[in-house]
C-alpha atoms as a PDB file:
ATOM      1  CA  MET A   1      79.770  72.106 107.273  1.00  0.00           C
ATOM      2  CA  MET A   2      81.887  75.587 107.484  1.00  0.00           C
ATOM      3  CA  GLY A   3      84.764  73.840 109.658  1.00  0.00           C
ATOM      4  CA  ALA A   4      84.953  71.148 106.840  1.00  0.00           C
ATOM      5  CA  VAL A   5      85.010  73.904 103.908  1.00  0.00           C
ATOM      6  CA  ALA A   6      87.696  75.742 105.843  1.00  0.00           C
ATOM      7  CA  LEU A   7      89.938  72.889 106.477  1.00  0.00           C
ATOM      8  CA  VAL A   8      89.547  71.798 102.963  1.00  0.00           C
ATOM      9  CA  ALA A   9      90.652  75.245 101.810  1.00  0.00           C
ATOM     10  CA  ILE A  10      93.902  75.073 104.149  1.00  0.00           C
ATOM     11  CA  ALA A  11      94.629  71.755 102.201  1.00  0.00           C
ATOM     12  CA  TRP A  12      93.925  73.073  98.697  1.00  0.00           C
ATOM     13  CA  SER A  13      95.661  76.503  99.328  1.00  0.00           C
ATOM     14  CA  ALA A  14      98.656  74.601 100.535  1.00  0.00           C
ATOM     15  CA  ALA A  15      99.280  72.320  97.346  1.00  0.00           C
ATOM     16  CA  ASP A  16     101.845  74.592  96.044  1.00  0.00           C
ATOM     17  CA  ARG A  17     103.733  74.728  99.190  1.00  0.00           C
ATOM     18  CA  LEU A  18     104.320  70.546  99.416  1.00  0.00           C
ATOM     19  CA  GLU A  19     107.669  71.054  97.689  1.00  0.00           C
ATOM     20  CA  LYS A  20     109.049  73.154 100.690  1.00  0.00           C
ATOM     21  CA  GLU A  21     111.290  71.268 103.504  1.00  0.00           C
ATOM     22  CA  ILE A  22     109.352  70.611 106.642  1.00  0.00           C
ATOM     23  CA  ASP A  23     111.251  69.534 109.612  1.00  0.00           C
ATOM     24  CA  ALA A  24     110.596  66.554 112.185  1.00  0.00           C
ATOM     25  CA  ALA A  25     109.221  68.759 114.838  1.00  0.00           C
ATOM     26  CA  SER A  26     106.371  70.400 112.626  1.00  0.00           C
ATOM     27  CA  ILE A  27     105.391  66.949 111.463  1.00  0.00           C
ATOM     28  CA  LEU A  28     105.211  65.511 115.018  1.00  0.00           C
ATOM     29  CA  VAL A  29     103.402  68.685 116.537  1.00  0.00           C
ATOM     30  CA  GLY A  30     101.152  68.630 113.660  1.00  0.00           C
ATOM     31  CA  THR A  31     100.136  64.877 113.674  1.00  0.00           C
ATOM     32  CA  THR A  32      99.887  65.235 117.409  1.00  0.00           C
ATOM     33  CA  LEU A  33      97.166  67.914 117.084  1.00  0.00           C
ATOM     34  CA  LEU A  34      95.265  66.185 114.223  1.00  0.00           C
ATOM     35  CA  ALA A  35      95.286  62.720 116.058  1.00  0.00           C
ATOM     36  CA  PHE A  36      94.421  64.196 119.409  1.00  0.00           C
ATOM     37  CA  THR A  37      91.633  66.420 118.244  1.00  0.00           C
ATOM     38  CA  LEU A  38      89.926  63.927 116.142  1.00  0.00           C
ATOM     39  CA  TRP A  39      90.193  61.384 119.021  1.00  0.00           C
ATOM     40  CA  ARG A  40      88.520  63.777 121.126  1.00  0.00           C
ATOM     41  CA  LEU A  41      85.810  64.569 118.935  1.00  0.00           C
ATOM     42  CA  GLN A  42      84.649  60.752 119.184  1.00  0.00           C
ATOM     43  CA  GLU A  43      84.207  61.329 122.775  1.00  0.00           C
ATOM     44  CA  PRO A  44      81.089  63.490 124.219  1.00  0.00           C
ATOM     45  CA  ALA A  45      83.212  66.316 124.263  1.00  0.00           C
ATOM     46  CA  GLY A  46      80.413  68.934 124.504  1.00  0.00           C
ATOM     47  CA  ALA A  47      79.488  72.081 122.233  1.00  0.00           C
ATOM     48  CA  LEU A  48      82.489  73.922 123.514  1.00  0.00           C
ATOM     49  CA  ALA A  49      84.947  71.549 122.658  1.00  0.00           C
ATOM     50  CA  ALA A  50      83.332  70.896 119.231  1.00  0.00           C
ATOM     51  CA  GLY A  51      83.186  74.567 118.668  1.00  0.00           C
ATOM     52  CA  LEU A  52      86.965  75.108 119.326  1.00  0.00           C
ATOM     53  CA  ALA A  53      87.840  71.808 117.104  1.00  0.00           C
ATOM     54  CA  PRO A  54      88.795  73.806 114.256  1.00  0.00           C
ATOM     55  CA  VAL A  55      91.548  75.779 115.887  1.00  0.00           C
ATOM     56  CA  PRO A  56      93.806  72.630 116.562  1.00  0.00           C
ATOM     57  CA  LEU A  57      92.661  71.075 113.232  1.00  0.00           C
ATOM     58  CA  GLY A  58      93.764  73.757 111.316  1.00  0.00           C
ATOM     59  CA  LEU A  59      96.924  74.456 112.905  1.00  0.00           C
ATOM     60  CA  GLY A  60      97.837  70.708 112.645  1.00  0.00           C
ATOM     61  CA  LEU A  61      97.331  70.942 108.942  1.00  0.00           C
ATOM     62  CA  ALA A  62      99.144  74.138 108.569  1.00  0.00           C
ATOM     63  CA  LEU A  63     102.306  72.584 110.447  1.00  0.00           C
ATOM     64  CA  LEU A  64     102.129  69.777 108.166  1.00  0.00           C
ATOM     65  CA  PHE A  65     101.854  71.578 105.091  1.00  0.00           C
ATOM     66  CA  GLY A  66     104.147  74.585 105.766  1.00  0.00           C
ATOM     67  CA  GLY A  67     106.101  73.889 109.045  1.00  0.00           C
ATOM     68  CA  TRP A  68     106.780  76.547 111.668  1.00  0.00           C
ATOM     69  CA  ARG A  69     108.710  78.726 109.422  1.00  0.00           C
ATOM     70  CA  ARG A  70     105.947  79.157 106.817  1.00  0.00           C
ATOM     71  CA  LEU A  71     103.055  79.286 109.309  1.00  0.00           C
ATOM     72  CA  ARG A  72     102.471  82.964 108.749  1.00  0.00           C
ATOM     73  CA  GLU A  73     101.895  82.276 105.113  1.00  0.00           C
ATOM     74  CA  PHE A  74      98.362  80.598 106.075  1.00  0.00           C
ATOM     75  CA  TRP A  75      96.984  83.979 107.570  1.00  0.00           C
ATOM     76  CA  ARG A  76      94.025  83.714 105.207  1.00  0.00           C
ATOM     77  CA  GLU A  77      93.271  80.443 106.518  1.00  0.00           C
ATOM     78  CA  GLY A  78      93.738  81.444 110.067  1.00  0.00           C
ATOM     79  CA  ILE A  79      91.195  84.215 109.751  1.00  0.00           C
ATOM     80  CA  ILE A  80      88.743  81.547 108.311  1.00  0.00           C
ATOM     81  CA  VAL A  81      89.425  79.289 111.397  1.00  0.00           C
ATOM     82  CA  ALA A  82      89.096  81.891 113.887  1.00  0.00           C
ATOM     83  CA  GLY A  83      85.868  83.001 112.159  1.00  0.00           C
ATOM     84  CA  LEU A  84      84.449  79.395 112.681  1.00  0.00           C
ATOM     85  CA  THR A  85      85.346  79.553 116.145  1.00  0.00           C
ATOM     86  CA  VAL A  86      83.344  82.667 116.930  1.00  0.00           C
ATOM     87  CA  SER A  87      80.759  82.112 114.317  1.00  0.00           C
ATOM     88  CA  PRO A  88      78.433  80.023 116.863  1.00  0.00           C
ATOM     89  CA  PHE A  89      78.594  83.077 119.317  1.00  0.00           C
ATOM     90  CA  VAL A  90      77.722  85.452 116.576  1.00  0.00           C
ATOM     91  CA  GLU A  91      74.675  83.109 115.636  1.00  0.00           C
ATOM     92  CA  THR A  92      73.701  83.265 119.291  1.00  0.00           C
ATOM     93  CA  VAL A  93      73.692  87.138 119.403  1.00  0.00           C
ATOM     94  CA  VAL A  94      71.683  87.487 116.196  1.00  0.00           C
ATOM     95  CA  LEU A  95      69.083  84.898 117.214  1.00  0.00           C
ATOM     96  CA  GLU A  96      68.728  85.529 121.001  1.00  0.00           C
ATOM     97  CA  LEU A  97      70.243  88.957 122.060  1.00  0.00           C
ATOM     98  CA  LEU A  98      68.973  91.043 118.976  1.00  0.00           C
ATOM     99  CA  GLY A  99      66.028  89.069 118.654  1.00  0.00           C
ATOM    100  CA  LEU A 100      66.168  89.047 114.741  1.00  0.00           C
ATOM    101  CA  ASP A 101      63.229  87.011 113.333  1.00  0.00           C
ATOM    102  CA  LEU A 102      63.128  86.569 109.751  1.00  0.00           C
ATOM    103  CA  SER A 103      59.949  84.216 110.011  1.00  0.00           C
ATOM    104  CA  PRO A 104      57.020  86.857 109.396  1.00  0.00           C
ATOM    105  CA  GLY A 105      58.980  88.131 106.479  1.00  0.00           C
ATOM    106  CA  THR A 106      59.509  84.858 105.099  1.00  0.00           C
ATOM    107  CA  ALA A 107      55.919  83.671 105.323  1.00  0.00           C
ATOM    108  CA  GLN A 108      54.742  86.961 103.664  1.00  0.00           C
ATOM    109  CA  PHE A 109      57.514  86.328 100.792  1.00  0.00           C
ATOM    110  CA  THR A 110      56.623  82.875 100.460  1.00  0.00           C
ATOM    111  CA  ALA A 111      52.911  83.713 100.141  1.00  0.00           C
ATOM    112  CA  GLY A 112      53.826  86.232  97.650  1.00  0.00           C
ATOM    113  CA  LEU A 113      55.663  83.568  95.536  1.00  0.00           C
ATOM    114  CA  LEU A 114      52.541  81.086  95.577  1.00  0.00           C
ATOM    115  CA  ARG A 115      50.268  83.967  94.180  1.00  0.00           C
ATOM    116  CA  VAL A 116      52.659  84.479  91.691  1.00  0.00           C
ATOM    117  CA  ALA A 117      52.446  80.816  90.708  1.00  0.00           C
ATOM    118  CA  GLY A 118      48.750  81.053  90.507  1.00  0.00           C
ATOM    119  CA  TRP A 119      48.007  79.680  93.958  1.00  0.00           C
ATOM    120  CA  ASN A 120      45.329  81.323  96.270  1.00  0.00           C
ATOM    121  CA  ALA A 121      47.750  81.800  99.405  1.00  0.00           C
ATOM    122  CA  SER A 122      47.998  84.302 102.163  1.00  0.00           C
ATOM    123  CA  ALA A 123      50.269  85.072 105.096  1.00  0.00           C
ATOM    124  CA  HIS A 124      49.338  86.175 108.763  1.00  0.00           C
ATOM    125  CA  ASP A 125      52.229  86.778 110.949  1.00  0.00           C
ATOM    126  CA  VAL A 126      54.316  83.426 110.622  1.00  0.00           C
ATOM    127  CA  ILE A 127      51.389  81.196 109.086  1.00  0.00           C
ATOM    128  CA  VAL A 128      51.072  80.585 105.317  1.00  0.00           C
ATOM    129  CA  SER A 129      47.621  79.654 104.371  1.00  0.00           C
ATOM    130  CA  LEU A 130      46.143  77.931 101.304  1.00  0.00           C
ATOM    131  CA  PRO A 131      42.629  76.607 100.903  1.00  0.00           C
ATOM    132  CA  ASP A 132      43.272  73.243 101.900  1.00  0.00           C
ATOM    133  CA  ALA A 133      46.608  73.468 103.987  1.00  0.00           C
ATOM    134  CA  TRP A 134      48.500  75.820 105.943  1.00  0.00           C
ATOM    135  CA  ILE A 135      51.958  75.597 107.814  1.00  0.00           C
ATOM    136  CA  VAL A 136      54.103  77.846 110.264  1.00  0.00           C
ATOM    137  CA  VAL A 137      57.250  79.232 109.380  1.00  0.00           C
ATOM    138  CA  SER A 138      59.466  78.509 112.405  1.00  0.00           C
ATOM    139  CA  GLN A 139      63.068  80.308 112.872  1.00  0.00           C
ATOM    140  CA  GLY A 140      64.515  77.137 111.631  1.00  0.00           C
ATOM    141  CA  CYS A 141      62.658  77.664 108.196  1.00  0.00           C
ATOM    142  CA  SER A 142      63.306  81.134 108.081  1.00  0.00           C
ATOM    143  CA  GLY A 143      65.920  81.023 105.692  1.00  0.00           C
ATOM    144  CA  LEU A 144      68.754  82.821 108.331  1.00  0.00           C
ATOM    145  CA  LYS A 145      70.651  79.622 108.620  1.00  0.00           C
ATOM    146  CA  THR A 146      71.123  79.038 104.843  1.00  0.00           C
ATOM    147  CA  MET A 147      71.959  82.628 104.537  1.00  0.00           C
ATOM    148  CA  TYR A 148      74.379  82.443 107.233  1.00  0.00           C
ATOM    149  CA  PHE A 149      76.074  79.495 105.749  1.00  0.00           C
ATOM    150  CA  LEU A 150      76.429  80.910 102.278  1.00  0.00           C
ATOM    151  CA  VAL A 151      77.529  84.335 103.409  1.00  0.00           C
ATOM    152  CA  GLY A 152      80.358  82.434 105.469  1.00  0.00           C
ATOM    153  CA  PHE A 153      81.008  80.632 102.476  1.00  0.00           C
ATOM    154  CA  SER A 154      81.298  83.755 100.275  1.00  0.00           C
ATOM    155  CA  ILE A 155      83.776  85.211 102.657  1.00  0.00           C
ATOM    156  CA  VAL A 156      85.942  81.783 102.600  1.00  0.00           C
ATOM    157  CA  LEU A 157      85.957  82.236  98.810  1.00  0.00           C
ATOM    158  CA  LEU A 158      86.859  85.943  98.687  1.00  0.00           C
ATOM    159  CA  LEU A 159      89.907  85.378 101.156  1.00  0.00           C
ATOM    160  CA  LEU A 160      91.294  82.359  98.941  1.00  0.00           C
ATOM    161  CA  TYR A 161      90.374  83.810  95.618  1.00  0.00           C
ATOM    162  CA  PRO A 162      90.215  87.921  96.327  1.00  0.00           C
ATOM    163  CA  LEU A 163      88.109  89.674  93.620  1.00  0.00           C
ATOM    164  CA  PRO A 164      89.472  93.257  92.696  1.00  0.00           C
ATOM    165  CA  GLY A 165      87.165  96.052  93.657  1.00  0.00           C
ATOM    166  CA  THR A 166      85.075  96.733  96.815  1.00  0.00           C
ATOM    167  CA  ARG A 167      81.868  96.621  94.791  1.00  0.00           C
ATOM    168  CA  ARG A 168      82.207  93.226  93.357  1.00  0.00           C
ATOM    169  CA  LYS A 169      83.216  91.679  96.928  1.00  0.00           C
ATOM    170  CA  LEU A 170      79.989  93.607  98.463  1.00  0.00           C
ATOM    171  CA  VAL A 171      77.955  92.043  95.357  1.00  0.00           C
ATOM    172  CA  VAL A 172      79.128  88.489  96.066  1.00  0.00           C
ATOM    173  CA  ILE A 173      78.358  88.823  99.986  1.00  0.00           C
ATOM    174  CA  GLY A 174      75.097  90.316  99.410  1.00  0.00           C
ATOM    175  CA  SER A 175      74.081  88.032  96.725  1.00  0.00           C
ATOM    176  CA  ALA A 176      74.943  84.956  98.860  1.00  0.00           C
ATOM    177  CA  ALA A 177      72.515  86.334 101.453  1.00  0.00           C
ATOM    178  CA  MET A 178      69.791  87.014  98.833  1.00  0.00           C
ATOM    179  CA  ILE A 179      70.375  83.492  97.261  1.00  0.00           C
ATOM    180  CA  GLY A 180      70.076  81.784 100.597  1.00  0.00           C
ATOM    181  CA  TYR A 181      66.779  83.653 101.385  1.00  0.00           C
ATOM    182  CA  VAL A 182      65.032  83.127  98.089  1.00  0.00           C
ATOM    183  CA  VAL A 183      65.819  79.370  97.607  1.00  0.00           C
ATOM    184  CA  ASN A 184      64.912  78.795 101.322  1.00  0.00           C
ATOM    185  CA  ALA A 185      61.433  80.704 100.684  1.00  0.00           C
ATOM    186  CA  VAL A 186      60.926  78.396  97.429  1.00  0.00           C
ATOM    187  CA  ARG A 187      61.465  75.535  99.593  1.00  0.00           C
ATOM    188  CA  VAL A 188      58.787  76.732 102.235  1.00  0.00           C
ATOM    189  CA  ALA A 189      56.371  77.193  99.403  1.00  0.00           C
ATOM    190  CA  ILE A 190      56.521  73.715  98.125  1.00  0.00           C
ATOM    191  CA  LEU A 191      56.223  72.508 101.850  1.00  0.00           C
ATOM    192  CA  ALA A 192      53.164  74.739 101.880  1.00  0.00           C
ATOM    193  CA  LEU A 193      51.514  72.817  98.735  1.00  0.00           C
ATOM    194  CA  LEU A 194      52.728  69.466 100.320  1.00  0.00           C
ATOM    195  CA  ALA A 195      50.858  70.285 103.542  1.00  0.00           C
ATOM    196  CA  ALA A 196      47.338  69.450 102.154  1.00  0.00           C
ATOM    197  CA  PRO A 197      46.066  65.922 103.227  1.00  0.00           C
ATOM    198  CA  GLY A 198      47.522  62.908 101.271  1.00  0.00           C
ATOM    199  CA  HIS A 199      51.322  64.125 100.943  1.00  0.00           C
ATOM    200  CA  GLU A 200      52.322  63.412 104.380  1.00  0.00           C
ATOM    201  CA  GLU A 201      55.399  61.342 103.435  1.00  0.00           C
ATOM    202  CA  ALA A 202      56.422  63.669 100.725  1.00  0.00           C
ATOM    203  CA  PHE A 203      56.021  66.501 103.027  1.00  0.00           C
ATOM    204  CA  HIS A 204      58.197  64.570 105.464  1.00  0.00           C
ATOM    205  CA  PHE A 205      60.611  63.992 102.957  1.00  0.00           C
ATOM    206  CA  TRP A 206      61.387  67.636 101.741  1.00  0.00           C
ATOM    207  CA  HIS A 207      60.935  68.980 105.145  1.00  0.00           C
ATOM    208  CA  ILE A 208      63.419  67.038 107.252  1.00  0.00           C
ATOM    209  CA  LYS A 209      64.711  64.104 105.223  1.00  0.00           C
ATOM    210  CA  GLN A 210      67.313  64.271 102.396  1.00  0.00           C
ATOM    211  CA  GLY A 211      64.868  66.548 100.430  1.00  0.00           C
ATOM    212  CA  ALA A 212      66.074  69.362 102.903  1.00  0.00           C
ATOM    213  CA  MET A 213      69.619  69.052 101.616  1.00  0.00           C
ATOM    214  CA  VAL A 214      68.708  69.368  98.001  1.00  0.00           C
ATOM    215  CA  PHE A 215      67.933  72.946  98.437  1.00  0.00           C
ATOM    216  CA  GLU A 216      71.080  73.486 100.232  1.00  0.00           C
ATOM    217  CA  ILE A 217      72.786  72.318  97.201  1.00  0.00           C
ATOM    218  CA  ILE A 218      70.738  74.214  94.920  1.00  0.00           C
ATOM    219  CA  ALA A 219      71.323  77.465  96.920  1.00  0.00           C
ATOM    220  CA  MET A 220      75.062  76.498  96.657  1.00  0.00           C
ATOM    221  CA  ALA A 221      75.389  75.571  92.906  1.00  0.00           C
ATOM    222  CA  VAL A 222      73.294  79.105  92.044  1.00  0.00           C
ATOM    223  CA  PHE A 223      75.756  81.044  94.391  1.00  0.00           C
ATOM    224  CA  LEU A 224      78.763  79.397  92.485  1.00  0.00           C
ATOM    225  CA  ALA A 225      77.339  79.889  89.127  1.00  0.00           C
ATOM    226  CA  LEU A 226      77.109  83.835  89.950  1.00  0.00           C
ATOM    227  CA  VAL A 227      80.430  83.847  91.299  1.00  0.00           C
ATOM    228  CA  TYR A 228      81.891  82.191  88.042  1.00  0.00           C
ATOM    229  CA  LEU A 229      80.024  85.072  85.940  1.00  0.00           C
ATOM    230  CA  ILE A 230      81.498  87.614  88.423  1.00  0.00           C
ATOM    231  CA  MET A 231      84.999  86.359  88.314  1.00  0.00           C
ATOM    232  CA  PRO A 232      87.274  88.252  85.831  1.00  0.00           C
ATOM    233  CA  THR A 233      88.340  85.819  83.124  1.00  0.00           C
ATOM    234  CA  ARG A 234      91.684  85.646  81.806  1.00  0.00           C
ATOM    235  CA  ARG A 235      92.369  84.616  78.317  1.00  0.00           C
ATOM    236  CA  THR A 236      95.777  83.504  78.107  1.00  0.00           C
ATOM    237  CA  GLY A 237      95.667  81.703  74.379  1.00  0.00           C
ATOM    238  CA  PRO A 238      97.633  82.605  71.450  1.00  0.00           C
ATOM    239  CA  LYS A 239      96.571  85.572  69.564  1.00  0.00           C
ATOM    240  CA  GLU A 240      95.789  85.252  66.152  1.00  0.00           C
ATOM    241  CA  LYS A 241      98.068  86.544  63.227  1.00  0.00           C
ATOM    242  CA  VAL A 242      96.575  88.679  60.781  1.00  0.00           C
ATOM    243  CA  VAL A 243      98.205  87.787  57.380  1.00  0.00           C
ATOM    244  CA  PRO A 244      97.662  90.622  54.863  1.00  0.00           C
ATOM    245  CA  GLN A 245      96.129  89.817  51.821  1.00  0.00           C
END
């Protein structure tokens, strides 16, 4: 997902550079990189090859849009692609080496949301209990992956559309993590309610089918709305002339 975001960002940011002259060598090398990488991804390339794919794809796009001479102008996109390449290793360090587990905290927060909504819910370790149902909050449902995605997306936005002031940048990144965590907790609360007998199909839909993606879209929409409010507005309309009476 983040790979697609970064590559689309490269193409979008290069729209104003298309009028520049591009030499034949750049077109040849860029097209070759894109074609070879896409062909390689069709094969059972393995996790390592798939993780490194954003590098040749991003370089190929940069060559097609800017050529060798203007390659340095894509330094922001280069940072994004480099971050995507090392991100799986960062996630492994966070989950495995540091032993960060948000599941107990997510269970407690979810139970709190249910109690605020009027349900008799409690949490013990990673288990959220209701009078007629209970669920286990696994690592995959702890909200860490949603937070990880939104934080990465917020960094992409800040690189492409810089905000003035360090405080605003920190607010955007911190808000991304918070929104991802809260939206995921709401999803877990709904799953806890659907874990009661008679809601098996609905639980399955919202847990692992298309319903799970709905909350990812909601998290993204809430985050983009917040960024829109934080972004400074520029009013370039004509000023009204005051005619003396």
